[in-house]
Amino acid sequence: MEQRSGPPRPLRFALGTFGDVDDNSRSDPADPAAHSRHYSWPPLPTGGARTPHAGPDALQRVIDGERHLSPGALTLGLQLTSVDDRAVTMTAEPAEWALNNGGTVHGGIVSGWVDSALGYATATVVEEGVVYSTLDLTVRYLRALRLDKTPAVIHAEVEHVGRSTCVVQAKVLDTDGRTCASASGVMMLFRP
């Protein structure tokens, strides 16, 4: 399968599917001087339209702006930047809101990025109708991630997919290409 990538595109949602979203506003405008952060997300689909992403084509529609990431992923500042066979790449550009008292990106934020990436990598190998959820997540923090070394790149790749679980490996890289965290996780698959 050929790799699909490209620059992040503005979100475009079909009216009646996800509601109105202002394409001209940033999803996470932060005001460092006021120490505030304001953002919005499209409402979740209702009824039969509420299905998890399944297959590389569904994820490509996220990159193309036709579908959206989860509200949690949007809250963490994630963007899906490429989809490949059994793998995804995401970027995250944290700001002061994501720092710990030591001045580096909080480990819980990094863990949230990895957890999201595990789910989107799992989406590359499941068919429509399969629901998935994190069963296990182990994150190893190898070096502190500083704001001046972001946006971070999160790469997640499916190592094994079975009937009821999917094993995924992930790495978080800084702008120098150095690994700041590595992770492994197991996603539980709920097949129809």
N, C-alpha and C. Protein backbone atom coordinates (compact mmCIF):
# COMPACT_ATOMS: atom_id res chain seq x y z
N MET A 1 0.84 -1.18 0.00
CA MET A 1 0.00 0.00 0.00
C MET A 1 0.88 1.23 0.00
N GLU A 2 0.53 2.22 -0.78
CA GLU A 2 1.34 3.42 -0.85
C GLU A 2 1.07 4.30 0.36
N GLN A 3 2.09 5.03 0.77
CA GLN A 3 1.96 5.92 1.90
C GLN A 3 1.14 7.14 1.49
N ARG A 4 0.25 7.54 2.39
CA ARG A 4 -0.56 8.72 2.15
C ARG A 4 -0.14 9.76 3.17
N SER A 5 0.26 10.90 2.70
CA SER A 5 0.66 11.93 3.63
C SER A 5 0.42 13.29 2.99
N GLY A 6 0.75 14.29 3.73
CA GLY A 6 0.60 15.63 3.21
C GLY A 6 0.45 16.61 4.36
N PRO A 7 0.43 17.87 4.03
CA PRO A 7 0.27 18.86 5.09
C PRO A 7 -1.14 18.77 5.67
N PRO A 8 -1.27 19.13 6.95
CA PRO A 8 -2.60 19.14 7.53
C PRO A 8 -3.52 20.04 6.71
N ARG A 9 -4.72 19.58 6.50
CA ARG A 9 -5.68 20.36 5.72
C ARG A 9 -6.77 20.88 6.66
N PRO A 10 -7.38 21.99 6.31
CA PRO A 10 -8.46 22.49 7.17
C PRO A 10 -9.62 21.51 7.21
N LEU A 11 -10.29 21.49 8.34
CA LEU A 11 -11.43 20.59 8.48
C LEU A 11 -12.59 21.07 7.63
N ARG A 12 -13.19 20.14 6.90
CA ARG A 12 -14.39 20.43 6.11
C ARG A 12 -15.39 19.32 6.42
N PHE A 13 -16.50 19.67 7.02
CA PHE A 13 -17.49 18.66 7.36
C PHE A 13 -18.75 18.90 6.56
N ALA A 14 -19.36 17.80 6.14
CA ALA A 14 -20.63 17.90 5.43
C ALA A 14 -21.69 18.37 6.42
N LEU A 15 -22.49 19.35 6.01
CA LEU A 15 -23.56 19.82 6.87
C LEU A 15 -24.48 18.67 7.22
N GLY A 16 -24.88 18.62 8.47
CA GLY A 16 -25.77 17.56 8.91
C GLY A 16 -25.03 16.33 9.38
N THR A 17 -23.73 16.24 9.10
CA THR A 17 -22.96 15.09 9.55
C THR A 17 -22.31 15.38 10.90
N PHE A 18 -21.52 16.44 10.94
CA PHE A 18 -20.85 16.79 12.18
C PHE A 18 -21.21 18.18 12.66
N GLY A 19 -22.08 18.88 11.99
CA GLY A 19 -22.45 20.22 12.39
C GLY A 19 -21.52 21.24 11.77
N ASP A 20 -21.75 22.48 12.09
CA ASP A 20 -20.96 23.58 11.53
C ASP A 20 -19.67 23.75 12.32
N VAL A 21 -18.57 23.86 11.63
CA VAL A 21 -17.27 24.10 12.23
C VAL A 21 -16.66 25.27 11.49
N ASP A 22 -16.09 26.21 12.24
CA ASP A 22 -15.47 27.38 11.63
C ASP A 22 -14.12 26.96 11.06
N ASP A 23 -14.03 26.85 9.72
CA ASP A 23 -12.80 26.42 9.07
C ASP A 23 -11.67 27.42 9.21
N ASN A 24 -11.98 28.66 9.54
CA ASN A 24 -10.95 29.70 9.60
C ASN A 24 -10.36 29.90 10.99
N SER A 25 -10.85 29.17 11.99
CA SER A 25 -10.32 29.36 13.33
C SER A 25 -9.39 28.20 13.68
N ARG A 26 -8.36 28.50 14.48
CA ARG A 26 -7.50 27.43 14.97
C ARG A 26 -8.28 26.62 15.97
N SER A 27 -8.00 25.33 16.04
CA SER A 27 -8.72 24.48 16.97
C SER A 27 -8.23 24.68 18.40
N ASP A 28 -7.10 25.32 18.59
CA ASP A 28 -6.54 25.46 19.92
C ASP A 28 -5.84 26.81 20.08
N PRO A 29 -6.58 27.92 20.02
CA PRO A 29 -5.90 29.19 20.24
C PRO A 29 -5.54 29.34 21.72
N ALA A 30 -4.29 29.48 22.00
CA ALA A 30 -3.82 29.66 23.37
C ALA A 30 -3.35 31.10 23.53
N ASP A 31 -3.60 31.65 24.69
CA ASP A 31 -3.15 33.00 25.01
C ASP A 31 -2.16 32.89 26.16
N PRO A 32 -0.85 32.75 25.83
CA PRO A 32 0.14 32.55 26.89
C PRO A 32 0.16 33.68 27.90
N ALA A 33 -0.09 34.92 27.46
CA ALA A 33 -0.05 36.05 28.38
C ALA A 33 -1.17 35.94 29.42
N ALA A 34 -2.32 35.46 29.01
CA ALA A 34 -3.44 35.32 29.93
C ALA A 34 -3.47 33.94 30.58
N HIS A 35 -2.56 33.07 30.18
CA HIS A 35 -2.54 31.69 30.67
C HIS A 35 -3.90 31.04 30.49
N SER A 36 -4.43 31.15 29.27
CA SER A 36 -5.72 30.55 28.98
C SER A 36 -5.66 29.82 27.65
N ARG A 37 -6.59 28.92 27.49
CA ARG A 37 -6.67 28.12 26.28
C ARG A 37 -8.13 27.90 25.95
N HIS A 38 -8.49 28.16 24.71
CA HIS A 38 -9.88 28.00 24.29
C HIS A 38 -9.90 27.21 22.99
N TYR A 39 -10.78 26.25 22.91
CA TYR A 39 -10.88 25.46 21.71
C TYR A 39 -12.28 24.88 21.60
N SER A 40 -12.58 24.39 20.44
CA SER A 40 -13.87 23.75 20.23
C SER A 40 -13.66 22.52 19.37
N TRP A 41 -14.65 21.70 19.31
CA TRP A 41 -14.58 20.48 18.51
C TRP A 41 -15.95 20.24 17.89
N PRO A 42 -15.99 19.53 16.80
CA PRO A 42 -17.28 19.22 16.19
C PRO A 42 -18.03 18.22 17.07
N PRO A 43 -19.34 18.31 17.11
CA PRO A 43 -20.09 17.35 17.92
C PRO A 43 -19.93 15.94 17.35
N LEU A 44 -20.02 14.98 18.24
CA LEU A 44 -19.96 13.59 17.80
C LEU A 44 -21.19 13.26 16.97
N PRO A 45 -21.02 12.41 15.96
CA PRO A 45 -22.18 11.97 15.19
C PRO A 45 -23.15 11.23 16.09
N THR A 46 -24.38 11.19 15.72
CA THR A 46 -25.39 10.49 16.52
C THR A 46 -25.90 9.27 15.77
N GLY A 47 -26.50 8.38 16.52
CA GLY A 47 -27.14 7.20 15.93
C GLY A 47 -26.17 6.35 15.13
N GLY A 48 -26.62 5.89 13.97
CA GLY A 48 -25.84 5.00 13.12
C GLY A 48 -24.61 5.66 12.52
N ALA A 49 -24.55 7.00 12.53
CA ALA A 49 -23.39 7.68 11.96
C ALA A 49 -22.20 7.66 12.92
N ARG A 50 -22.43 7.24 14.17
CA ARG A 50 -21.37 7.23 15.17
C ARG A 50 -20.64 5.89 15.13
N THR A 51 -19.60 5.82 14.31
CA THR A 51 -18.81 4.61 14.19
C THR A 51 -17.34 4.97 14.29
N PRO A 52 -16.52 4.07 14.84
CA PRO A 52 -15.09 4.36 14.89
C PRO A 52 -14.49 4.32 13.48
N HIS A 53 -13.34 4.94 13.36
CA HIS A 53 -12.64 4.89 12.08
C HIS A 53 -12.26 3.44 11.80
N ALA A 54 -12.40 3.02 10.54
CA ALA A 54 -12.04 1.65 10.16
C ALA A 54 -11.44 1.68 8.77
N GLY A 55 -10.19 1.25 8.67
CA GLY A 55 -9.51 1.17 7.39
C GLY A 55 -8.74 2.42 7.03
N PRO A 56 -7.71 2.25 6.20
CA PRO A 56 -6.88 3.40 5.79
C PRO A 56 -7.67 4.48 5.06
N ASP A 57 -8.70 4.11 4.32
CA ASP A 57 -9.47 5.11 3.59
C ASP A 57 -10.19 6.07 4.53
N ALA A 58 -10.72 5.53 5.63
CA ALA A 58 -11.38 6.38 6.62
C ALA A 58 -10.39 7.36 7.23
N LEU A 59 -9.17 6.89 7.49
CA LEU A 59 -8.16 7.78 8.07
C LEU A 59 -7.68 8.80 7.04
N GLN A 60 -7.62 8.42 5.79
CA GLN A 60 -7.25 9.39 4.75
C GLN A 60 -8.28 10.51 4.70
N ARG A 61 -9.54 10.17 4.96
CA ARG A 61 -10.59 11.21 4.98
C ARG A 61 -10.37 12.17 6.14
N VAL A 62 -9.75 11.72 7.23
CA VAL A 62 -9.39 12.63 8.32
C VAL A 62 -8.33 13.60 7.81
N ILE A 63 -7.30 13.08 7.15
CA ILE A 63 -6.24 13.94 6.61
C ILE A 63 -6.81 14.93 5.61
N ASP A 64 -7.77 14.48 4.81
CA ASP A 64 -8.39 15.34 3.79
C ASP A 64 -9.40 16.31 4.38
N GLY A 65 -9.69 16.21 5.69
CA GLY A 65 -10.61 17.13 6.33
C GLY A 65 -12.07 16.75 6.22
N GLU A 66 -12.36 15.53 5.78
CA GLU A 66 -13.74 15.10 5.62
C GLU A 66 -14.29 14.41 6.87
N ARG A 67 -13.42 13.95 7.74
CA ARG A 67 -13.79 13.37 9.03
C ARG A 67 -12.92 14.05 10.08
N HIS A 68 -13.22 13.84 11.33
CA HIS A 68 -12.43 14.47 12.37
C HIS A 68 -11.83 13.44 13.33
N LEU A 69 -10.80 13.86 14.03
CA LEU A 69 -10.25 13.05 15.11
C LEU A 69 -11.22 13.11 16.28
N SER A 70 -10.98 12.29 17.28
CA SER A 70 -11.82 12.30 18.47
C SER A 70 -11.66 13.62 19.22
N PRO A 71 -12.67 14.02 20.01
CA PRO A 71 -12.51 15.22 20.82
C PRO A 71 -11.29 15.16 21.73
N GLY A 72 -10.98 13.97 22.26
CA GLY A 72 -9.80 13.83 23.12
C GLY A 72 -8.51 14.11 22.36
N ALA A 73 -8.40 13.59 21.14
CA ALA A 73 -7.21 13.83 20.33
C ALA A 73 -7.09 15.32 19.99
N LEU A 74 -8.22 15.95 19.68
CA LEU A 74 -8.19 17.38 19.39
C LEU A 74 -7.77 18.19 20.62
N THR A 75 -8.24 17.78 21.79
CA THR A 75 -7.88 18.46 23.03
C THR A 75 -6.38 18.38 23.28
N LEU A 76 -5.77 17.25 22.92
CA LEU A 76 -4.34 17.07 23.12
C LEU A 76 -3.51 17.73 22.01
N GLY A 77 -4.15 18.35 21.04
CA GLY A 77 -3.44 19.05 19.98
C GLY A 77 -2.88 18.15 18.90
N LEU A 78 -3.46 16.98 18.72
CA LEU A 78 -2.96 16.03 17.72
C LEU A 78 -3.50 16.31 16.33
N GLN A 79 -2.69 15.99 15.33
CA GLN A 79 -3.10 16.00 13.93
C GLN A 79 -2.61 14.71 13.30
N LEU A 80 -3.46 14.09 12.52
CA LEU A 80 -3.07 12.91 11.75
C LEU A 80 -2.41 13.41 10.47
N THR A 81 -1.16 13.02 10.24
CA THR A 81 -0.43 13.55 9.09
C THR A 81 -0.17 12.53 8.00
N SER A 82 -0.13 11.23 8.33
CA SER A 82 0.03 10.23 7.28
C SER A 82 -0.51 8.88 7.73
N VAL A 83 -0.94 8.12 6.73
CA VAL A 83 -1.47 6.78 6.93
C VAL A 83 -0.71 5.86 6.00
N ASP A 84 -0.25 4.75 6.53
CA ASP A 84 0.46 3.76 5.74
C ASP A 84 -0.14 2.40 6.07
N ASP A 85 0.36 1.38 5.44
CA ASP A 85 -0.08 0.03 5.71
C ASP A 85 0.27 -0.32 7.15
N ARG A 86 -0.73 -0.49 8.02
CA ARG A 86 -0.57 -0.88 9.42
C ARG A 86 0.12 0.18 10.27
N ALA A 87 0.15 1.44 9.83
CA ALA A 87 0.85 2.47 10.60
C ALA A 87 0.25 3.85 10.37
N VAL A 88 0.42 4.72 11.36
CA VAL A 88 0.03 6.11 11.23
C VAL A 88 1.14 7.00 11.79
N THR A 89 1.15 8.23 11.32
CA THR A 89 2.03 9.25 11.89
C THR A 89 1.16 10.44 12.26
N MET A 90 1.38 10.93 13.47
CA MET A 90 0.64 12.08 13.97
C MET A 90 1.64 13.12 14.44
N THR A 91 1.21 14.37 14.52
CA THR A 91 2.04 15.42 15.09
C THR A 91 1.28 16.09 16.22
N ALA A 92 2.04 16.65 17.14
CA ALA A 92 1.45 17.37 18.27
C ALA A 92 2.34 18.58 18.55
N GLU A 93 1.70 19.72 18.68
CA GLU A 93 2.44 20.94 18.99
C GLU A 93 1.91 21.49 20.31
N PRO A 94 2.52 21.06 21.42
CA PRO A 94 2.06 21.52 22.72
C PRO A 94 2.47 22.98 22.96
N ALA A 95 1.88 23.56 23.97
CA ALA A 95 2.23 24.91 24.40
C ALA A 95 2.39 24.87 25.92
N GLU A 96 2.44 26.03 26.52
CA GLU A 96 2.68 26.11 27.97
C GLU A 96 1.67 25.28 28.77
N TRP A 97 0.44 25.17 28.29
CA TRP A 97 -0.59 24.40 28.99
C TRP A 97 -0.20 22.94 29.20
N ALA A 98 0.74 22.42 28.39
CA ALA A 98 1.10 21.00 28.44
C ALA A 98 2.34 20.74 29.29
N LEU A 99 2.89 21.76 29.92
CA LEU A 99 4.15 21.59 30.65
C LEU A 99 3.94 21.13 32.08
N ASN A 100 4.94 20.41 32.59
CA ASN A 100 4.97 20.08 34.01
C ASN A 100 5.74 21.19 34.73
N ASN A 101 5.91 21.07 36.03
CA ASN A 101 6.62 22.12 36.79
C ASN A 101 8.09 22.21 36.43
N GLY A 102 8.63 21.17 35.80
CA GLY A 102 10.02 21.20 35.37
C GLY A 102 10.23 21.90 34.04
N GLY A 103 9.13 22.31 33.41
CA GLY A 103 9.23 23.06 32.15
C GLY A 103 9.30 22.18 30.91
N THR A 104 9.03 20.89 31.05
CA THR A 104 9.01 20.00 29.88
C THR A 104 7.59 19.46 29.72
N VAL A 105 7.32 18.86 28.58
CA VAL A 105 5.97 18.35 28.32
C VAL A 105 5.63 17.25 29.33
N HIS A 106 4.48 17.39 29.95
CA HIS A 106 4.02 16.46 30.98
C HIS A 106 3.90 15.05 30.41
N GLY A 107 4.35 14.07 31.17
CA GLY A 107 4.29 12.68 30.73
C GLY A 107 2.89 12.20 30.44
N GLY A 108 1.90 12.71 31.13
CA GLY A 108 0.51 12.33 30.88
C GLY A 108 0.03 12.80 29.52
N ILE A 109 0.53 13.96 29.08
CA ILE A 109 0.19 14.46 27.74
C ILE A 109 0.81 13.53 26.70
N VAL A 110 2.07 13.19 26.89
CA VAL A 110 2.76 12.28 25.96
C VAL A 110 2.04 10.93 25.91
N SER A 111 1.63 10.44 27.07
CA SER A 111 0.90 9.18 27.13
C SER A 111 -0.42 9.28 26.38
N GLY A 112 -1.09 10.40 26.50
CA GLY A 112 -2.34 10.61 25.76
C GLY A 112 -2.12 10.60 24.25
N TRP A 113 -1.02 11.23 23.81
CA TRP A 113 -0.68 11.21 22.38
C TRP A 113 -0.51 9.77 21.90
N VAL A 114 0.27 9.00 22.68
CA VAL A 114 0.56 7.62 22.30
C VAL A 114 -0.73 6.79 22.29
N ASP A 115 -1.57 6.96 23.29
CA ASP A 115 -2.82 6.21 23.35
C ASP A 115 -3.68 6.50 22.12
N SER A 116 -3.76 7.76 21.73
CA SER A 116 -4.52 8.10 20.52
C SER A 116 -3.90 7.46 19.28
N ALA A 117 -2.58 7.54 19.17
CA ALA A 117 -1.89 6.98 18.01
C ALA A 117 -2.10 5.46 17.93
N LEU A 118 -2.12 4.78 19.08
CA LEU A 118 -2.38 3.34 19.09
C LEU A 118 -3.75 3.05 18.47
N GLY A 119 -4.73 3.84 18.85
CA GLY A 119 -6.08 3.65 18.32
C GLY A 119 -6.15 3.89 16.82
N TYR A 120 -5.51 4.96 16.35
CA TYR A 120 -5.55 5.24 14.92
C TYR A 120 -4.75 4.22 14.12
N ALA A 121 -3.67 3.69 14.68
CA ALA A 121 -2.93 2.62 14.00
C ALA A 121 -3.82 1.36 13.92
N THR A 122 -4.53 1.08 14.99
CA THR A 122 -5.45 -0.06 14.99
C THR A 122 -6.50 0.10 13.90
N ALA A 123 -6.95 1.33 13.68
CA ALA A 123 -7.97 1.58 12.66
C ALA A 123 -7.49 1.18 11.26
N THR A 124 -6.19 1.12 11.04
CA THR A 124 -5.68 0.76 9.72
C THR A 124 -5.89 -0.72 9.39
N VAL A 125 -6.15 -1.54 10.41
CA VAL A 125 -6.22 -2.98 10.18
C VAL A 125 -7.58 -3.60 10.48
N VAL A 126 -8.55 -2.78 10.89
CA VAL A 126 -9.87 -3.33 11.19
C VAL A 126 -10.86 -2.95 10.10
N GLU A 127 -11.89 -3.78 9.98
CA GLU A 127 -12.93 -3.50 9.02
C GLU A 127 -14.07 -2.75 9.71
N GLU A 128 -14.92 -2.16 8.90
CA GLU A 128 -16.06 -1.41 9.41
C GLU A 128 -16.88 -2.28 10.37
N GLY A 129 -17.31 -1.69 11.45
CA GLY A 129 -18.12 -2.40 12.44
C GLY A 129 -17.33 -2.89 13.64
N VAL A 130 -16.00 -2.94 13.53
CA VAL A 130 -15.18 -3.37 14.65
C VAL A 130 -14.93 -2.16 15.55
N VAL A 131 -15.21 -2.33 16.83
CA VAL A 131 -14.96 -1.30 17.83
C VAL A 131 -13.71 -1.70 18.57
N TYR A 132 -12.91 -0.72 18.98
CA TYR A 132 -11.65 -1.03 19.67
C TYR A 132 -11.44 -0.06 20.82
N SER A 133 -10.72 -0.55 21.82
CA SER A 133 -10.46 0.24 23.02
C SER A 133 -9.14 -0.21 23.63
N THR A 134 -8.45 0.71 24.30
CA THR A 134 -7.17 0.38 24.92
C THR A 134 -7.35 -0.62 26.04
N LEU A 135 -6.59 -1.70 25.97
CA LEU A 135 -6.59 -2.73 27.01
C LEU A 135 -5.36 -2.56 27.90
N ASP A 136 -4.23 -2.22 27.29
CA ASP A 136 -2.97 -2.09 28.03
C ASP A 136 -2.11 -1.05 27.33
N LEU A 137 -1.40 -0.24 28.12
CA LEU A 137 -0.51 0.78 27.57
C LEU A 137 0.71 0.90 28.47
N THR A 138 1.89 0.76 27.89
CA THR A 138 3.14 0.95 28.61
C THR A 138 3.95 2.01 27.87
N VAL A 139 4.30 3.07 28.58
CA VAL A 139 5.09 4.15 27.99
C VAL A 139 6.41 4.24 28.73
N ARG A 140 7.49 4.27 27.97
CA ARG A 140 8.83 4.42 28.53
C ARG A 140 9.35 5.81 28.12
N TYR A 141 9.60 6.65 29.11
CA TYR A 141 10.07 8.02 28.86
C TYR A 141 11.60 7.99 28.81
N LEU A 142 12.17 8.31 27.67
CA LEU A 142 13.61 8.19 27.47
C LEU A 142 14.35 9.52 27.61
N ARG A 143 13.68 10.61 27.24
CA ARG A 143 14.28 11.93 27.39
C ARG A 143 13.15 12.94 27.48
N ALA A 144 13.42 14.02 28.18
CA ALA A 144 12.41 15.07 28.33
C ALA A 144 12.14 15.73 26.98
N LEU A 145 10.89 16.08 26.75
CA LEU A 145 10.51 16.78 25.52
C LEU A 145 10.30 18.24 25.87
N ARG A 146 11.14 19.10 25.29
CA ARG A 146 11.06 20.54 25.52
C ARG A 146 10.23 21.20 24.42
N LEU A 147 9.57 22.30 24.76
CA LEU A 147 8.75 22.99 23.77
C LEU A 147 9.54 23.42 22.54
N ASP A 148 10.80 23.81 22.74
CA ASP A 148 11.59 24.26 21.58
C ASP A 148 11.99 23.10 20.68
N LYS A 149 11.64 21.88 21.05
CA LYS A 149 11.91 20.70 20.22
C LYS A 149 10.62 20.08 19.71
N THR A 150 9.58 20.90 19.61
CA THR A 150 8.30 20.45 19.08
C THR A 150 7.98 21.25 17.83
N PRO A 151 7.12 20.77 16.94
CA PRO A 151 6.11 19.75 17.17
C PRO A 151 6.72 18.35 17.25
N ALA A 152 6.12 17.55 18.11
CA ALA A 152 6.53 16.16 18.26
C ALA A 152 5.88 15.33 17.15
N VAL A 153 6.57 14.27 16.76
CA VAL A 153 6.04 13.32 15.79
C VAL A 153 5.78 12.02 16.52
N ILE A 154 4.58 11.49 16.37
CA ILE A 154 4.21 10.23 17.00
C ILE A 154 3.96 9.23 15.89
N HIS A 155 4.75 8.18 15.88
CA HIS A 155 4.60 7.14 14.86
C HIS A 155 4.16 5.86 15.56
N ALA A 156 3.06 5.26 15.09
CA ALA A 156 2.55 4.02 15.68
C ALA A 156 2.35 2.99 14.59
N GLU A 157 2.78 1.76 14.89
CA GLU A 157 2.71 0.70 13.90
C GLU A 157 2.17 -0.58 14.52
N VAL A 158 1.25 -1.21 13.81
CA VAL A 158 0.66 -2.48 14.27
C VAL A 158 1.70 -3.58 14.13
N GLU A 159 1.95 -4.27 15.22
CA GLU A 159 2.89 -5.39 15.22
C GLU A 159 2.17 -6.72 15.01
N HIS A 160 0.96 -6.84 15.55
CA HIS A 160 0.20 -8.09 15.44
C HIS A 160 -1.28 -7.76 15.57
N VAL A 161 -2.10 -8.38 14.76
CA VAL A 161 -3.54 -8.26 14.92
C VAL A 161 -4.14 -9.66 14.93
N GLY A 162 -4.95 -9.91 15.93
CA GLY A 162 -5.61 -11.20 16.06
C GLY A 162 -7.11 -11.04 16.09
N ARG A 163 -7.79 -12.06 16.54
CA ARG A 163 -9.26 -12.02 16.57
C ARG A 163 -9.77 -11.01 17.60
N SER A 164 -9.12 -10.94 18.77
CA SER A 164 -9.66 -10.09 19.83
C SER A 164 -8.72 -8.98 20.30
N THR A 165 -7.46 -8.99 19.83
CA THR A 165 -6.52 -7.95 20.26
C THR A 165 -5.65 -7.50 19.10
N CYS A 166 -5.11 -6.31 19.27
CA CYS A 166 -4.17 -5.74 18.31
C CYS A 166 -3.01 -5.15 19.10
N VAL A 167 -1.79 -5.56 18.80
CA VAL A 167 -0.59 -5.09 19.49
C VAL A 167 0.06 -4.00 18.64
N VAL A 168 0.34 -2.86 19.27
CA VAL A 168 0.88 -1.70 18.55
C VAL A 168 2.12 -1.18 19.27
N GLN A 169 3.12 -0.79 18.49
CA GLN A 169 4.33 -0.15 19.01
C GLN A 169 4.33 1.31 18.57
N ALA A 170 4.84 2.21 19.42
CA ALA A 170 4.84 3.63 19.08
C ALA A 170 6.11 4.31 19.58
N LYS A 171 6.45 5.41 18.91
CA LYS A 171 7.57 6.25 19.32
C LYS A 171 7.15 7.71 19.23
N VAL A 172 7.68 8.51 20.15
CA VAL A 172 7.49 9.96 20.13
C VAL A 172 8.85 10.57 19.87
N LEU A 173 8.95 11.35 18.79
CA LEU A 173 10.22 11.94 18.38
C LEU A 173 10.17 13.46 18.50
N ASP A 174 11.31 14.07 18.86
CA ASP A 174 11.38 15.53 18.87
C ASP A 174 11.81 16.03 17.49
N THR A 175 11.98 17.33 17.34
CA THR A 175 12.32 17.90 16.02
C THR A 175 13.71 17.50 15.55
N ASP A 176 14.55 17.02 16.45
CA ASP A 176 15.88 16.52 16.06
C ASP A 176 15.82 15.04 15.66
N GLY A 177 14.64 14.45 15.71
CA GLY A 177 14.49 13.04 15.37
C GLY A 177 14.88 12.10 16.49
N ARG A 178 15.10 12.65 17.69
CA ARG A 178 15.47 11.82 18.83
C ARG A 178 14.22 11.25 19.50
N THR A 179 14.30 10.00 19.92
CA THR A 179 13.18 9.36 20.59
C THR A 179 13.06 9.86 22.01
N CYS A 180 11.91 10.45 22.33
CA CYS A 180 11.65 10.94 23.69
C CYS A 180 10.87 9.91 24.51
N ALA A 181 10.07 9.11 23.82
CA ALA A 181 9.30 8.06 24.50
C ALA A 181 9.06 6.93 23.51
N SER A 182 9.04 5.72 24.03
CA SER A 182 8.63 4.57 23.23
C SER A 182 7.51 3.89 24.01
N ALA A 183 6.64 3.23 23.28
CA ALA A 183 5.47 2.66 23.94
C ALA A 183 5.03 1.39 23.24
N SER A 184 4.32 0.58 23.98
CA SER A 184 3.64 -0.57 23.40
C SER A 184 2.27 -0.63 24.04
N GLY A 185 1.33 -1.10 23.27
CA GLY A 185 -0.02 -1.18 23.78
C GLY A 185 -0.79 -2.30 23.14
N VAL A 186 -1.84 -2.69 23.81
CA VAL A 186 -2.74 -3.72 23.29
C VAL A 186 -4.13 -3.10 23.22
N MET A 187 -4.72 -3.20 22.05
CA MET A 187 -6.08 -2.72 21.85
C MET A 187 -7.02 -3.92 21.83
N MET A 188 -8.10 -3.85 22.58
CA MET A 188 -9.12 -4.89 22.57
C MET A 188 -10.02 -4.64 21.37
N LEU A 189 -10.29 -5.68 20.59
CA LEU A 189 -11.15 -5.59 19.42
C LEU A 189 -12.50 -6.22 19.75
N PHE A 190 -13.57 -5.49 19.45
CA PHE A 190 -14.93 -6.00 19.66
C PHE A 190 -15.54 -6.17 18.29
N ARG A 191 -15.53 -7.39 17.82
CA ARG A 191 -16.04 -7.69 16.48
C ARG A 191 -17.55 -7.93 16.53
N PRO A 192 -18.26 -7.56 15.45
CA PRO A 192 -19.72 -7.78 15.45
C PRO A 192 -20.06 -9.26 15.42
